[in-house]
Amino acid sequence: MLGAQLGLQSQLNMPRANDLIIKQQVEYKDPGRSGEEVLWDFSRLKVVNDAYELAYSTPNDTIITGMEHLTQYHYVLQNDSLLLLGFDNPTTHLHNIQPEVLLKFPFQNGDITGSYYYGHGKYGNRLEMDVMGTTQTVADACGMMILPSKDTLKQVLRTHTIKYIAENTVPISDSYYEKLKSPLVISTDSIDRRLATDTVLFVVETFRWYEKGYRYPIFETV
């Protein structure tokens, strides 16, 4: 059912400038099991928004920006890794001093990648933000998928990402501008201690399904 060459490549699966994607938001469905020869039947999902846009552009020769829901996400390909540099929207600015590793190319079934990350920014010109944690992505399943359109995709690879987030906000002071001039580097031990002792953590779990011949995920759930 599956070809051995199924996997993600930088030249085929990197975001590309001037691409405009029109997504459909559908009701939630359990992402199913991991492993091989999985069948995902998403044929009966109800559409809740049929015009959700994602547009990519290039502010310079190296950075790719994705605009989605009034938020700009900034990406760069460094060596063989796709990195998230931060994001901006009308209320929030966050710069990842230690970027997140989102994918490593090539990426095939069973591969794992991830990183520690640390970001510094502000919310509404009133609050200073420090955000840190870990992110890990594994290509955990492959198989076939039936889409809401009833189309059947036969060479599907799924990735599973878990991101742990510890966040601290305080009123903006001189320290905010000092960090802009001299960015801090947070050790992995410090991030581990923060994740182990913080009273509140955020966890974001994301599944993405890729079909051979398509640059972007053809389905995702968060």
N, C-alpha and C. Protein backbone atom coordinates (compact mmCIF):
# COMPACT_ATOMS: atom_id res chain seq x y z
N MET A 1 0.82 -1.21 0.00
CA MET A 1 0.00 0.00 0.00
C MET A 1 0.85 1.25 0.00
N LEU A 2 2.03 1.21 0.65
CA LEU A 2 2.85 2.41 0.80
C LEU A 2 4.19 2.22 0.12
N GLY A 3 4.72 3.33 -0.42
CA GLY A 3 6.05 3.29 -1.00
C GLY A 3 7.10 3.63 0.04
N ALA A 4 8.30 3.05 -0.11
CA ALA A 4 9.36 3.28 0.87
C ALA A 4 9.85 4.71 0.82
N GLN A 5 9.60 5.43 -0.30
CA GLN A 5 10.10 6.79 -0.45
C GLN A 5 9.22 7.82 0.24
N LEU A 6 8.10 7.41 0.86
CA LEU A 6 7.20 8.36 1.51
C LEU A 6 7.93 9.11 2.62
N GLY A 7 7.92 10.43 2.54
CA GLY A 7 8.58 11.25 3.54
C GLY A 7 8.56 12.71 3.13
N LEU A 8 9.02 13.59 4.04
CA LEU A 8 9.02 15.03 3.80
C LEU A 8 10.41 15.48 3.39
N GLN A 9 10.47 16.35 2.36
CA GLN A 9 11.72 16.88 1.85
C GLN A 9 11.66 18.40 1.87
N SER A 10 12.79 19.05 2.10
CA SER A 10 12.80 20.52 2.20
C SER A 10 12.36 21.16 0.89
N GLN A 11 12.79 20.63 -0.25
CA GLN A 11 12.43 21.26 -1.53
C GLN A 11 10.97 21.03 -1.89
N LEU A 12 10.32 20.06 -1.26
CA LEU A 12 8.94 19.72 -1.59
C LEU A 12 7.94 20.12 -0.52
N ASN A 13 8.39 20.33 0.73
CA ASN A 13 7.45 20.55 1.83
C ASN A 13 7.73 21.80 2.66
N MET A 14 8.69 22.62 2.24
CA MET A 14 8.89 23.91 2.88
C MET A 14 7.79 24.88 2.47
N PRO A 15 7.33 25.76 3.39
CA PRO A 15 6.43 26.84 2.97
C PRO A 15 7.06 27.65 1.84
N ARG A 16 6.23 28.12 0.91
CA ARG A 16 6.73 28.79 -0.29
C ARG A 16 6.08 30.16 -0.45
N ALA A 17 6.90 31.16 -0.73
CA ALA A 17 6.39 32.53 -0.85
C ALA A 17 5.33 32.63 -1.93
N ASN A 18 4.32 33.47 -1.65
CA ASN A 18 3.21 33.78 -2.56
C ASN A 18 2.17 32.67 -2.65
N ASP A 19 2.31 31.61 -1.85
CA ASP A 19 1.27 30.59 -1.80
C ASP A 19 0.11 31.08 -0.93
N LEU A 20 -1.10 30.84 -1.39
CA LEU A 20 -2.31 31.15 -0.62
C LEU A 20 -3.10 29.86 -0.47
N ILE A 21 -3.37 29.48 0.77
CA ILE A 21 -4.09 28.24 1.05
C ILE A 21 -5.44 28.60 1.65
N ILE A 22 -6.49 28.02 1.10
CA ILE A 22 -7.84 28.19 1.64
C ILE A 22 -8.18 26.90 2.39
N LYS A 23 -8.27 26.99 3.71
CA LYS A 23 -8.55 25.81 4.53
C LYS A 23 -10.05 25.72 4.83
N GLN A 24 -10.46 24.52 5.16
CA GLN A 24 -11.77 24.30 5.74
C GLN A 24 -11.59 23.85 7.19
N GLN A 25 -12.28 24.52 8.10
CA GLN A 25 -12.31 24.06 9.49
C GLN A 25 -13.49 23.11 9.65
N VAL A 26 -13.21 21.97 10.26
CA VAL A 26 -14.25 20.96 10.46
C VAL A 26 -14.33 20.61 11.94
N GLU A 27 -15.39 19.92 12.33
CA GLU A 27 -15.55 19.49 13.71
C GLU A 27 -14.44 18.51 14.07
N TYR A 28 -14.15 18.42 15.37
CA TYR A 28 -13.03 17.60 15.85
C TYR A 28 -13.32 16.12 15.70
N LYS A 29 -12.26 15.37 15.35
CA LYS A 29 -12.33 13.91 15.33
C LYS A 29 -11.04 13.36 15.94
N ASP A 30 -11.15 12.31 16.71
CA ASP A 30 -9.97 11.69 17.31
C ASP A 30 -8.96 11.33 16.22
N PRO A 31 -7.67 11.64 16.41
CA PRO A 31 -6.68 11.41 15.35
C PRO A 31 -6.35 9.94 15.11
N GLY A 32 -6.81 9.03 15.97
CA GLY A 32 -6.58 7.61 15.73
C GLY A 32 -5.22 7.13 16.21
N ARG A 33 -4.95 5.86 15.91
CA ARG A 33 -3.75 5.21 16.44
C ARG A 33 -2.52 5.56 15.64
N SER A 34 -1.36 5.26 16.20
CA SER A 34 -0.10 5.36 15.47
C SER A 34 0.21 4.01 14.82
N GLY A 35 1.29 3.96 14.05
CA GLY A 35 1.70 2.71 13.42
C GLY A 35 1.58 2.76 11.91
N GLU A 36 1.61 1.60 11.28
CA GLU A 36 1.57 1.49 9.83
C GLU A 36 0.23 0.93 9.37
N GLU A 37 -0.08 1.19 8.10
CA GLU A 37 -1.31 0.72 7.46
C GLU A 37 -2.55 1.15 8.24
N VAL A 38 -2.54 2.41 8.68
CA VAL A 38 -3.69 2.98 9.39
C VAL A 38 -4.69 3.51 8.36
N LEU A 39 -5.97 3.38 8.65
CA LEU A 39 -7.01 3.99 7.81
C LEU A 39 -7.71 5.08 8.62
N TRP A 40 -7.61 6.32 8.13
CA TRP A 40 -8.31 7.44 8.78
C TRP A 40 -9.53 7.79 7.94
N ASP A 41 -10.71 7.63 8.51
CA ASP A 41 -11.95 7.95 7.80
C ASP A 41 -12.50 9.27 8.32
N PHE A 42 -12.21 10.35 7.58
CA PHE A 42 -12.68 11.68 7.94
C PHE A 42 -13.79 12.12 6.98
N SER A 43 -14.51 11.17 6.44
CA SER A 43 -15.46 11.48 5.37
C SER A 43 -16.75 12.11 5.88
N ARG A 44 -17.05 12.01 7.16
CA ARG A 44 -18.34 12.49 7.64
C ARG A 44 -18.22 13.69 8.58
N LEU A 45 -17.14 14.42 8.49
CA LEU A 45 -16.94 15.56 9.36
C LEU A 45 -17.72 16.77 8.86
N LYS A 46 -18.32 17.49 9.80
CA LYS A 46 -19.10 18.67 9.47
C LYS A 46 -18.19 19.89 9.32
N VAL A 47 -18.35 20.65 8.24
CA VAL A 47 -17.58 21.87 8.00
C VAL A 47 -18.16 23.00 8.83
N VAL A 48 -17.29 23.70 9.58
CA VAL A 48 -17.74 24.83 10.40
C VAL A 48 -17.24 26.17 9.87
N ASN A 49 -16.22 26.15 8.97
CA ASN A 49 -15.71 27.38 8.36
C ASN A 49 -15.02 26.96 7.06
N ASP A 50 -15.55 27.40 5.93
CA ASP A 50 -15.01 26.94 4.65
C ASP A 50 -14.12 27.97 3.96
N ALA A 51 -13.68 28.98 4.69
CA ALA A 51 -12.83 30.02 4.08
C ALA A 51 -11.82 30.55 5.09
N TYR A 52 -10.93 29.65 5.54
CA TYR A 52 -9.90 30.01 6.51
C TYR A 52 -8.58 30.13 5.75
N GLU A 53 -8.01 31.33 5.66
CA GLU A 53 -6.88 31.59 4.77
C GLU A 53 -5.54 31.55 5.49
N LEU A 54 -4.54 31.03 4.77
CA LEU A 54 -3.15 31.06 5.20
C LEU A 54 -2.33 31.50 3.99
N ALA A 55 -1.60 32.61 4.13
CA ALA A 55 -0.82 33.16 3.02
C ALA A 55 0.65 33.29 3.43
N TYR A 56 1.55 32.95 2.49
CA TYR A 56 2.99 33.02 2.75
C TYR A 56 3.64 34.12 1.91
N SER A 57 4.64 34.77 2.51
CA SER A 57 5.39 35.82 1.82
C SER A 57 6.84 35.77 2.30
N THR A 58 7.70 36.57 1.66
CA THR A 58 9.11 36.61 2.03
C THR A 58 9.54 38.05 2.27
N PRO A 59 9.72 38.46 3.55
CA PRO A 59 10.21 39.82 3.81
C PRO A 59 11.67 40.00 3.40
N ASN A 60 12.43 38.88 3.32
CA ASN A 60 13.81 38.95 2.82
C ASN A 60 14.16 37.60 2.19
N ASP A 61 15.44 37.40 1.89
CA ASP A 61 15.84 36.19 1.15
C ASP A 61 15.82 34.92 1.99
N THR A 62 15.77 35.04 3.30
CA THR A 62 15.88 33.85 4.13
C THR A 62 14.63 33.53 4.93
N ILE A 63 13.86 34.55 5.31
CA ILE A 63 12.71 34.34 6.19
C ILE A 63 11.44 34.16 5.37
N ILE A 64 10.62 33.19 5.76
CA ILE A 64 9.29 32.99 5.21
C ILE A 64 8.27 33.37 6.29
N THR A 65 7.29 34.18 5.93
CA THR A 65 6.25 34.60 6.88
C THR A 65 4.91 34.02 6.46
N GLY A 66 4.24 33.38 7.42
CA GLY A 66 2.90 32.87 7.19
C GLY A 66 1.88 33.73 7.93
N MET A 67 0.88 34.24 7.23
CA MET A 67 -0.17 35.07 7.84
C MET A 67 -1.42 34.23 8.00
N GLU A 68 -1.86 34.08 9.25
CA GLU A 68 -3.02 33.25 9.55
C GLU A 68 -3.76 33.85 10.73
N HIS A 69 -5.05 34.14 10.53
CA HIS A 69 -5.91 34.66 11.61
C HIS A 69 -5.28 35.89 12.28
N LEU A 70 -4.84 36.86 11.45
CA LEU A 70 -4.27 38.14 11.89
C LEU A 70 -2.93 38.00 12.61
N THR A 71 -2.29 36.83 12.49
CA THR A 71 -1.00 36.60 13.13
C THR A 71 0.03 36.22 12.07
N GLN A 72 1.23 36.84 12.17
CA GLN A 72 2.34 36.51 11.29
C GLN A 72 3.31 35.60 12.02
N TYR A 73 3.58 34.43 11.43
CA TYR A 73 4.56 33.49 11.97
C TYR A 73 5.79 33.51 11.07
N HIS A 74 6.98 33.56 11.68
CA HIS A 74 8.21 33.74 10.93
C HIS A 74 9.06 32.47 10.98
N TYR A 75 9.43 31.96 9.79
CA TYR A 75 10.16 30.70 9.67
C TYR A 75 11.46 30.91 8.90
N VAL A 76 12.41 30.00 9.15
CA VAL A 76 13.65 30.00 8.37
C VAL A 76 14.15 28.56 8.27
N LEU A 77 14.75 28.22 7.14
CA LEU A 77 15.41 26.93 6.97
C LEU A 77 16.88 27.11 7.28
N GLN A 78 17.35 26.44 8.33
CA GLN A 78 18.75 26.54 8.75
C GLN A 78 19.37 25.16 8.70
N ASN A 79 20.35 25.00 7.82
CA ASN A 79 20.91 23.68 7.52
C ASN A 79 19.77 22.78 7.05
N ASP A 80 19.41 21.76 7.82
CA ASP A 80 18.34 20.86 7.39
C ASP A 80 17.10 20.99 8.27
N SER A 81 16.99 22.07 9.06
CA SER A 81 15.90 22.21 10.02
C SER A 81 15.03 23.42 9.72
N LEU A 82 13.71 23.24 9.85
CA LEU A 82 12.76 24.34 9.74
C LEU A 82 12.53 24.91 11.14
N LEU A 83 12.84 26.19 11.32
CA LEU A 83 12.78 26.84 12.62
C LEU A 83 11.66 27.87 12.66
N LEU A 84 11.02 27.99 13.83
CA LEU A 84 10.07 29.06 14.09
C LEU A 84 10.78 30.16 14.86
N LEU A 85 10.85 31.36 14.27
CA LEU A 85 11.58 32.47 14.87
C LEU A 85 10.72 33.33 15.79
N GLY A 86 9.40 33.17 15.71
CA GLY A 86 8.51 33.97 16.55
C GLY A 86 7.26 34.34 15.79
N PHE A 87 6.46 35.24 16.40
CA PHE A 87 5.22 35.66 15.76
C PHE A 87 4.85 37.06 16.20
N ASP A 88 3.97 37.70 15.38
CA ASP A 88 3.47 39.05 15.67
C ASP A 88 1.99 39.09 15.33
N ASN A 89 1.22 39.83 16.14
CA ASN A 89 -0.15 40.17 15.80
C ASN A 89 -0.46 41.54 16.40
N PRO A 90 -1.65 42.07 16.26
CA PRO A 90 -1.91 43.44 16.73
C PRO A 90 -1.66 43.66 18.22
N THR A 91 -1.65 42.62 19.02
CA THR A 91 -1.46 42.80 20.47
C THR A 91 -0.17 42.21 21.00
N THR A 92 0.42 41.24 20.30
CA THR A 92 1.53 40.48 20.86
C THR A 92 2.69 40.41 19.88
N HIS A 93 3.90 40.55 20.44
CA HIS A 93 5.13 40.33 19.67
C HIS A 93 6.00 39.37 20.47
N LEU A 94 6.45 38.28 19.84
CA LEU A 94 7.33 37.32 20.51
C LEU A 94 8.47 36.95 19.58
N HIS A 95 9.70 37.13 20.04
CA HIS A 95 10.89 36.76 19.29
C HIS A 95 11.55 35.57 19.97
N ASN A 96 11.69 34.48 19.23
CA ASN A 96 12.35 33.29 19.78
C ASN A 96 13.87 33.47 19.69
N ILE A 97 14.46 33.83 20.81
CA ILE A 97 15.92 33.97 20.86
C ILE A 97 16.57 32.62 20.62
N GLN A 98 15.98 31.57 21.20
CA GLN A 98 16.36 30.19 20.91
C GLN A 98 15.18 29.57 20.16
N PRO A 99 15.28 29.46 18.82
CA PRO A 99 14.11 29.09 18.00
C PRO A 99 13.64 27.66 18.26
N GLU A 100 12.39 27.42 17.88
CA GLU A 100 11.82 26.08 17.91
C GLU A 100 12.20 25.34 16.63
N VAL A 101 12.59 24.08 16.78
CA VAL A 101 12.80 23.22 15.62
C VAL A 101 11.47 22.52 15.32
N LEU A 102 10.88 22.83 14.16
CA LEU A 102 9.58 22.28 13.80
C LEU A 102 9.70 20.98 13.02
N LEU A 103 10.64 20.94 12.07
CA LEU A 103 10.88 19.75 11.26
C LEU A 103 12.35 19.67 10.91
N LYS A 104 12.80 18.46 10.65
CA LYS A 104 14.15 18.23 10.15
C LYS A 104 14.04 17.42 8.88
N PHE A 105 14.69 17.89 7.80
CA PHE A 105 14.56 17.24 6.50
C PHE A 105 15.79 16.41 6.17
N PRO A 106 15.60 15.23 5.53
CA PRO A 106 14.31 14.59 5.24
C PRO A 106 13.69 14.03 6.53
N PHE A 107 12.38 13.80 6.48
CA PHE A 107 11.63 13.34 7.65
C PHE A 107 10.72 12.20 7.21
N GLN A 108 10.98 11.01 7.74
CA GLN A 108 10.26 9.82 7.33
C GLN A 108 9.62 9.14 8.53
N ASN A 109 8.79 8.14 8.26
CA ASN A 109 8.09 7.44 9.32
C ASN A 109 9.08 6.91 10.37
N GLY A 110 8.81 7.22 11.63
CA GLY A 110 9.68 6.81 12.72
C GLY A 110 10.69 7.85 13.15
N ASP A 111 10.91 8.90 12.34
CA ASP A 111 11.89 9.94 12.68
C ASP A 111 11.34 10.83 13.80
N ILE A 112 12.27 11.36 14.61
CA ILE A 112 11.94 12.25 15.72
C ILE A 112 12.84 13.48 15.65
N THR A 113 12.28 14.65 15.90
CA THR A 113 13.07 15.87 16.00
C THR A 113 12.42 16.78 17.04
N GLY A 114 13.14 17.82 17.43
CA GLY A 114 12.60 18.75 18.42
C GLY A 114 13.70 19.59 19.02
N SER A 115 13.33 20.38 20.03
CA SER A 115 14.31 21.29 20.62
C SER A 115 13.78 21.88 21.91
N TYR A 116 14.69 22.48 22.67
CA TYR A 116 14.32 23.47 23.68
C TYR A 116 14.17 24.81 22.97
N TYR A 117 13.39 25.71 23.54
CA TYR A 117 13.24 27.03 22.93
C TYR A 117 13.03 28.07 24.04
N TYR A 118 13.34 29.32 23.69
CA TYR A 118 13.10 30.44 24.61
C TYR A 118 12.76 31.67 23.79
N GLY A 119 11.66 32.34 24.17
CA GLY A 119 11.25 33.54 23.48
C GLY A 119 10.99 34.69 24.44
N HIS A 120 11.20 35.89 23.94
CA HIS A 120 11.00 37.11 24.74
C HIS A 120 10.16 38.08 23.93
N GLY A 121 9.21 38.75 24.58
CA GLY A 121 8.37 39.67 23.84
C GLY A 121 7.51 40.51 24.74
N LYS A 122 6.43 41.03 24.15
CA LYS A 122 5.55 41.92 24.91
C LYS A 122 4.11 41.72 24.48
N TYR A 123 3.21 42.10 25.36
CA TYR A 123 1.78 42.05 25.09
C TYR A 123 1.19 43.44 25.33
N GLY A 124 0.63 44.02 24.30
CA GLY A 124 -0.09 45.28 24.41
C GLY A 124 0.72 46.45 24.93
N ASN A 125 2.05 46.44 24.76
CA ASN A 125 2.92 47.51 25.25
C ASN A 125 2.81 47.71 26.77
N ARG A 126 2.26 46.72 27.45
CA ARG A 126 2.11 46.84 28.91
C ARG A 126 2.81 45.71 29.66
N LEU A 127 2.86 44.54 29.06
CA LEU A 127 3.40 43.37 29.74
C LEU A 127 4.60 42.81 28.98
N GLU A 128 5.62 42.44 29.73
CA GLU A 128 6.79 41.76 29.20
C GLU A 128 6.59 40.25 29.33
N MET A 129 6.91 39.50 28.29
CA MET A 129 6.68 38.06 28.27
C MET A 129 7.99 37.30 28.12
N ASP A 130 8.13 36.23 28.89
CA ASP A 130 9.19 35.24 28.71
C ASP A 130 8.51 33.89 28.54
N VAL A 131 8.81 33.22 27.43
CA VAL A 131 8.18 31.95 27.12
C VAL A 131 9.27 30.94 26.82
N MET A 132 9.20 29.75 27.45
CA MET A 132 10.21 28.73 27.22
C MET A 132 9.60 27.35 27.33
N GLY A 133 10.31 26.36 26.82
CA GLY A 133 9.80 25.00 26.92
C GLY A 133 10.50 24.06 25.97
N THR A 134 9.80 22.99 25.62
CA THR A 134 10.32 21.99 24.68
C THR A 134 9.27 21.68 23.64
N THR A 135 9.73 21.25 22.49
CA THR A 135 8.83 20.77 21.44
C THR A 135 9.44 19.52 20.82
N GLN A 136 8.61 18.54 20.54
CA GLN A 136 9.08 17.31 19.92
C GLN A 136 8.08 16.86 18.86
N THR A 137 8.58 16.49 17.69
CA THR A 137 7.75 16.00 16.59
C THR A 137 8.24 14.63 16.17
N VAL A 138 7.31 13.69 16.04
CA VAL A 138 7.62 12.34 15.58
C VAL A 138 6.70 12.00 14.41
N ALA A 139 7.25 11.39 13.38
CA ALA A 139 6.43 10.83 12.30
C ALA A 139 5.96 9.46 12.79
N ASP A 140 4.72 9.43 13.28
CA ASP A 140 4.29 8.27 14.08
C ASP A 140 3.33 7.34 13.37
N ALA A 141 2.88 7.66 12.14
CA ALA A 141 1.91 6.80 11.49
C ALA A 141 1.92 7.02 9.99
N CYS A 142 1.50 6.01 9.25
CA CYS A 142 1.31 6.13 7.81
C CYS A 142 0.18 5.21 7.39
N GLY A 143 -0.47 5.57 6.28
CA GLY A 143 -1.59 4.78 5.84
C GLY A 143 -2.42 5.49 4.80
N MET A 144 -3.75 5.29 4.86
CA MET A 144 -4.69 5.86 3.91
C MET A 144 -5.68 6.75 4.64
N MET A 145 -6.20 7.76 3.92
CA MET A 145 -7.16 8.70 4.51
C MET A 145 -8.32 8.93 3.55
N ILE A 146 -9.55 8.94 4.10
CA ILE A 146 -10.73 9.33 3.35
C ILE A 146 -11.14 10.72 3.82
N LEU A 147 -11.13 11.69 2.89
CA LEU A 147 -11.39 13.09 3.21
C LEU A 147 -12.89 13.37 3.25
N PRO A 148 -13.29 14.53 3.83
CA PRO A 148 -14.70 14.93 3.80
C PRO A 148 -15.28 15.00 2.39
N SER A 149 -14.41 15.26 1.39
CA SER A 149 -14.86 15.29 -0.01
C SER A 149 -15.07 13.89 -0.57
N LYS A 150 -14.77 12.86 0.23
CA LYS A 150 -14.84 11.44 -0.14
C LYS A 150 -13.64 10.99 -0.97
N ASP A 151 -12.70 11.91 -1.29
CA ASP A 151 -11.48 11.49 -1.96
C ASP A 151 -10.66 10.60 -1.03
N THR A 152 -9.97 9.61 -1.60
CA THR A 152 -9.13 8.70 -0.82
C THR A 152 -7.67 8.96 -1.17
N LEU A 153 -6.86 9.20 -0.14
CA LEU A 153 -5.42 9.40 -0.29
C LEU A 153 -4.70 8.15 0.19
N LYS A 154 -3.76 7.65 -0.61
CA LYS A 154 -3.21 6.32 -0.36
C LYS A 154 -1.79 6.31 0.19
N GLN A 155 -1.11 7.45 0.18
CA GLN A 155 0.26 7.49 0.72
C GLN A 155 0.35 8.65 1.70
N VAL A 156 -0.17 8.45 2.89
CA VAL A 156 -0.28 9.50 3.90
C VAL A 156 0.72 9.25 5.02
N LEU A 157 1.43 10.30 5.40
CA LEU A 157 2.35 10.26 6.54
C LEU A 157 1.83 11.23 7.60
N ARG A 158 1.73 10.79 8.86
CA ARG A 158 1.26 11.66 9.94
C ARG A 158 2.41 12.04 10.86
N THR A 159 2.45 13.31 11.25
CA THR A 159 3.38 13.76 12.29
C THR A 159 2.60 14.15 13.54
N HIS A 160 3.22 13.95 14.68
CA HIS A 160 2.60 14.23 15.98
C HIS A 160 3.56 15.12 16.77
N THR A 161 3.11 16.32 17.12
CA THR A 161 3.93 17.30 17.84
C THR A 161 3.34 17.56 19.22
N ILE A 162 4.20 17.53 20.23
CA ILE A 162 3.81 17.93 21.59
C ILE A 162 4.73 19.07 22.02
N LYS A 163 4.10 20.19 22.40
CA LYS A 163 4.84 21.38 22.81
C LYS A 163 4.47 21.74 24.23
N TYR A 164 5.48 21.86 25.10
CA TYR A 164 5.28 22.28 26.49
C TYR A 164 5.72 23.73 26.63
N ILE A 165 4.87 24.53 27.30
CA ILE A 165 5.07 25.97 27.36
C ILE A 165 5.00 26.45 28.81
N ALA A 166 6.06 27.10 29.27
CA ALA A 166 6.05 27.82 30.54
C ALA A 166 6.15 29.30 30.23
N GLU A 167 5.23 30.09 30.77
CA GLU A 167 5.15 31.50 30.41
C GLU A 167 5.14 32.37 31.65
N ASN A 168 5.84 33.49 31.56
CA ASN A 168 5.86 34.46 32.66
C ASN A 168 5.62 35.85 32.10
N THR A 169 4.71 36.61 32.73
CA THR A 169 4.43 37.98 32.31
C THR A 169 4.54 38.92 33.50
N VAL A 170 5.20 40.05 33.27
CA VAL A 170 5.34 41.09 34.30
C VAL A 170 5.18 42.43 33.61
N PRO A 171 4.87 43.50 34.35
CA PRO A 171 4.81 44.83 33.73
C PRO A 171 6.13 45.18 33.05
N ILE A 172 6.04 45.83 31.90
CA ILE A 172 7.25 46.21 31.18
C ILE A 172 8.09 47.17 32.01
N SER A 173 9.38 46.87 32.07
CA SER A 173 10.34 47.72 32.78
C SER A 173 11.59 47.84 31.93
N ASP A 174 12.65 48.40 32.51
CA ASP A 174 13.90 48.55 31.77
C ASP A 174 14.48 47.20 31.34
N SER A 175 14.16 46.14 32.07
CA SER A 175 14.71 44.83 31.73
C SER A 175 14.25 44.38 30.35
N TYR A 176 13.06 44.79 29.95
CA TYR A 176 12.57 44.41 28.62
C TYR A 176 13.50 44.95 27.54
N TYR A 177 13.87 46.20 27.62
CA TYR A 177 14.73 46.82 26.62
C TYR A 177 16.17 46.32 26.73
N GLU A 178 16.60 45.98 27.94
CA GLU A 178 17.94 45.40 28.11
C GLU A 178 18.04 44.05 27.41
N LYS A 179 16.96 43.25 27.51
CA LYS A 179 16.97 41.94 26.84
C LYS A 179 16.94 42.09 25.32
N LEU A 180 16.31 43.17 24.82
CA LEU A 180 16.32 43.42 23.39
C LEU A 180 17.73 43.71 22.89
N LYS A 181 18.50 44.46 23.71
CA LYS A 181 19.86 44.81 23.32
C LYS A 181 20.83 43.65 23.51
N SER A 182 20.65 42.91 24.60
CA SER A 182 21.54 41.79 24.92
C SER A 182 20.69 40.56 25.24
N PRO A 183 20.24 39.84 24.21
CA PRO A 183 19.35 38.69 24.43
C PRO A 183 19.97 37.63 25.33
N LEU A 184 19.18 37.08 26.21
CA LEU A 184 19.62 36.02 27.09
C LEU A 184 19.59 34.68 26.37
N VAL A 185 20.46 33.77 26.79
CA VAL A 185 20.40 32.37 26.36
C VAL A 185 20.12 31.55 27.61
N ILE A 186 19.04 30.78 27.59
CA ILE A 186 18.61 30.00 28.74
C ILE A 186 19.12 28.57 28.58
N SER A 187 19.77 28.03 29.59
CA SER A 187 20.31 26.68 29.50
C SER A 187 19.18 25.66 29.50
N THR A 188 19.46 24.48 28.95
CA THR A 188 18.45 23.42 28.94
C THR A 188 18.11 22.98 30.36
N ASP A 189 19.08 22.99 31.27
CA ASP A 189 18.80 22.64 32.66
C ASP A 189 17.81 23.62 33.29
N SER A 190 17.97 24.89 32.99
CA SER A 190 17.05 25.89 33.53
C SER A 190 15.64 25.70 32.98
N ILE A 191 15.55 25.38 31.70
CA ILE A 191 14.22 25.14 31.11
C ILE A 191 13.59 23.90 31.72
N ASP A 192 14.39 22.84 31.91
CA ASP A 192 13.87 21.62 32.54
C ASP A 192 13.34 21.90 33.95
N ARG A 193 14.10 22.69 34.71
CA ARG A 193 13.65 23.01 36.08
C ARG A 193 12.36 23.82 36.05
N ARG A 194 12.27 24.75 35.10
CA ARG A 194 11.06 25.55 34.99
C ARG A 194 9.84 24.69 34.66
N LEU A 195 10.01 23.76 33.74
CA LEU A 195 8.90 22.88 33.37
C LEU A 195 8.51 21.95 34.51
N ALA A 196 9.49 21.58 35.35
CA ALA A 196 9.22 20.65 36.45
C ALA A 196 8.58 21.33 37.65
N THR A 197 8.78 22.64 37.80
CA THR A 197 8.34 23.32 39.02
C THR A 197 7.25 24.36 38.81
N ASP A 198 6.99 24.77 37.56
CA ASP A 198 5.98 25.80 37.32
C ASP A 198 4.60 25.32 37.75
N THR A 199 3.82 26.20 38.33
CA THR A 199 2.50 25.80 38.81
C THR A 199 1.49 25.68 37.67
N VAL A 200 1.74 26.38 36.55
CA VAL A 200 0.85 26.31 35.39
C VAL A 200 1.68 26.09 34.13
N LEU A 201 1.36 25.05 33.37
CA LEU A 201 1.99 24.78 32.09
C LEU A 201 0.91 24.68 31.02
N PHE A 202 1.26 25.11 29.81
CA PHE A 202 0.40 24.89 28.65
C PHE A 202 0.98 23.74 27.83
N VAL A 203 0.13 22.89 27.31
CA VAL A 203 0.55 21.80 26.45
C VAL A 203 -0.28 21.86 25.17
N VAL A 204 0.40 21.93 24.02
CA VAL A 204 -0.28 21.96 22.73
C VAL A 204 0.11 20.69 21.96
N GLU A 205 -0.89 19.93 21.55
CA GLU A 205 -0.66 18.68 20.82
C GLU A 205 -1.24 18.84 19.42
N THR A 206 -0.42 18.60 18.40
CA THR A 206 -0.81 18.82 17.02
C THR A 206 -0.51 17.59 16.17
N PHE A 207 -1.50 17.17 15.38
CA PHE A 207 -1.32 16.10 14.40
C PHE A 207 -1.45 16.71 13.00
N ARG A 208 -0.55 16.31 12.10
CA ARG A 208 -0.61 16.77 10.71
C ARG A 208 -0.45 15.58 9.78
N TRP A 209 -1.27 15.55 8.73
CA TRP A 209 -1.23 14.47 7.75
C TRP A 209 -0.72 15.03 6.43
N TYR A 210 0.30 14.37 5.85
CA TYR A 210 0.88 14.78 4.58
C TYR A 210 0.67 13.68 3.55
N GLU A 211 0.31 14.07 2.34
CA GLU A 211 0.16 13.14 1.22
C GLU A 211 1.29 13.39 0.23
N LYS A 212 1.85 12.32 -0.30
CA LYS A 212 2.89 12.44 -1.31
C LYS A 212 2.38 13.30 -2.47
N GLY A 213 3.15 14.31 -2.86
CA GLY A 213 2.78 15.18 -3.96
C GLY A 213 2.14 16.49 -3.54
N TYR A 214 1.89 16.66 -2.23
CA TYR A 214 1.30 17.89 -1.71
C TYR A 214 2.31 18.57 -0.78
N ARG A 215 2.52 19.87 -0.99
CA ARG A 215 3.52 20.59 -0.20
C ARG A 215 3.09 20.76 1.25
N TYR A 216 1.82 21.04 1.49
CA TYR A 216 1.34 21.37 2.84
C TYR A 216 0.52 20.23 3.41
N PRO A 217 0.34 20.23 4.74
CA PRO A 217 -0.53 19.19 5.33
C PRO A 217 -1.92 19.24 4.70
N ILE A 218 -2.46 18.07 4.43
CA ILE A 218 -3.80 18.02 3.86
C ILE A 218 -4.86 17.90 4.95
N PHE A 219 -4.43 17.70 6.16
CA PHE A 219 -5.36 17.67 7.31
C PHE A 219 -4.53 17.90 8.57
N GLU A 220 -5.09 18.59 9.54
CA GLU A 220 -4.40 18.76 10.82
C GLU A 220 -5.42 18.98 11.93
N THR A 221 -5.02 18.58 13.12
CA THR A 221 -5.87 18.79 14.29
C THR A 221 -5.01 19.28 15.43
N VAL A 222 -5.51 20.25 16.19
CA VAL A 222 -4.77 20.85 17.29
C VAL A 222 -5.60 20.71 18.55
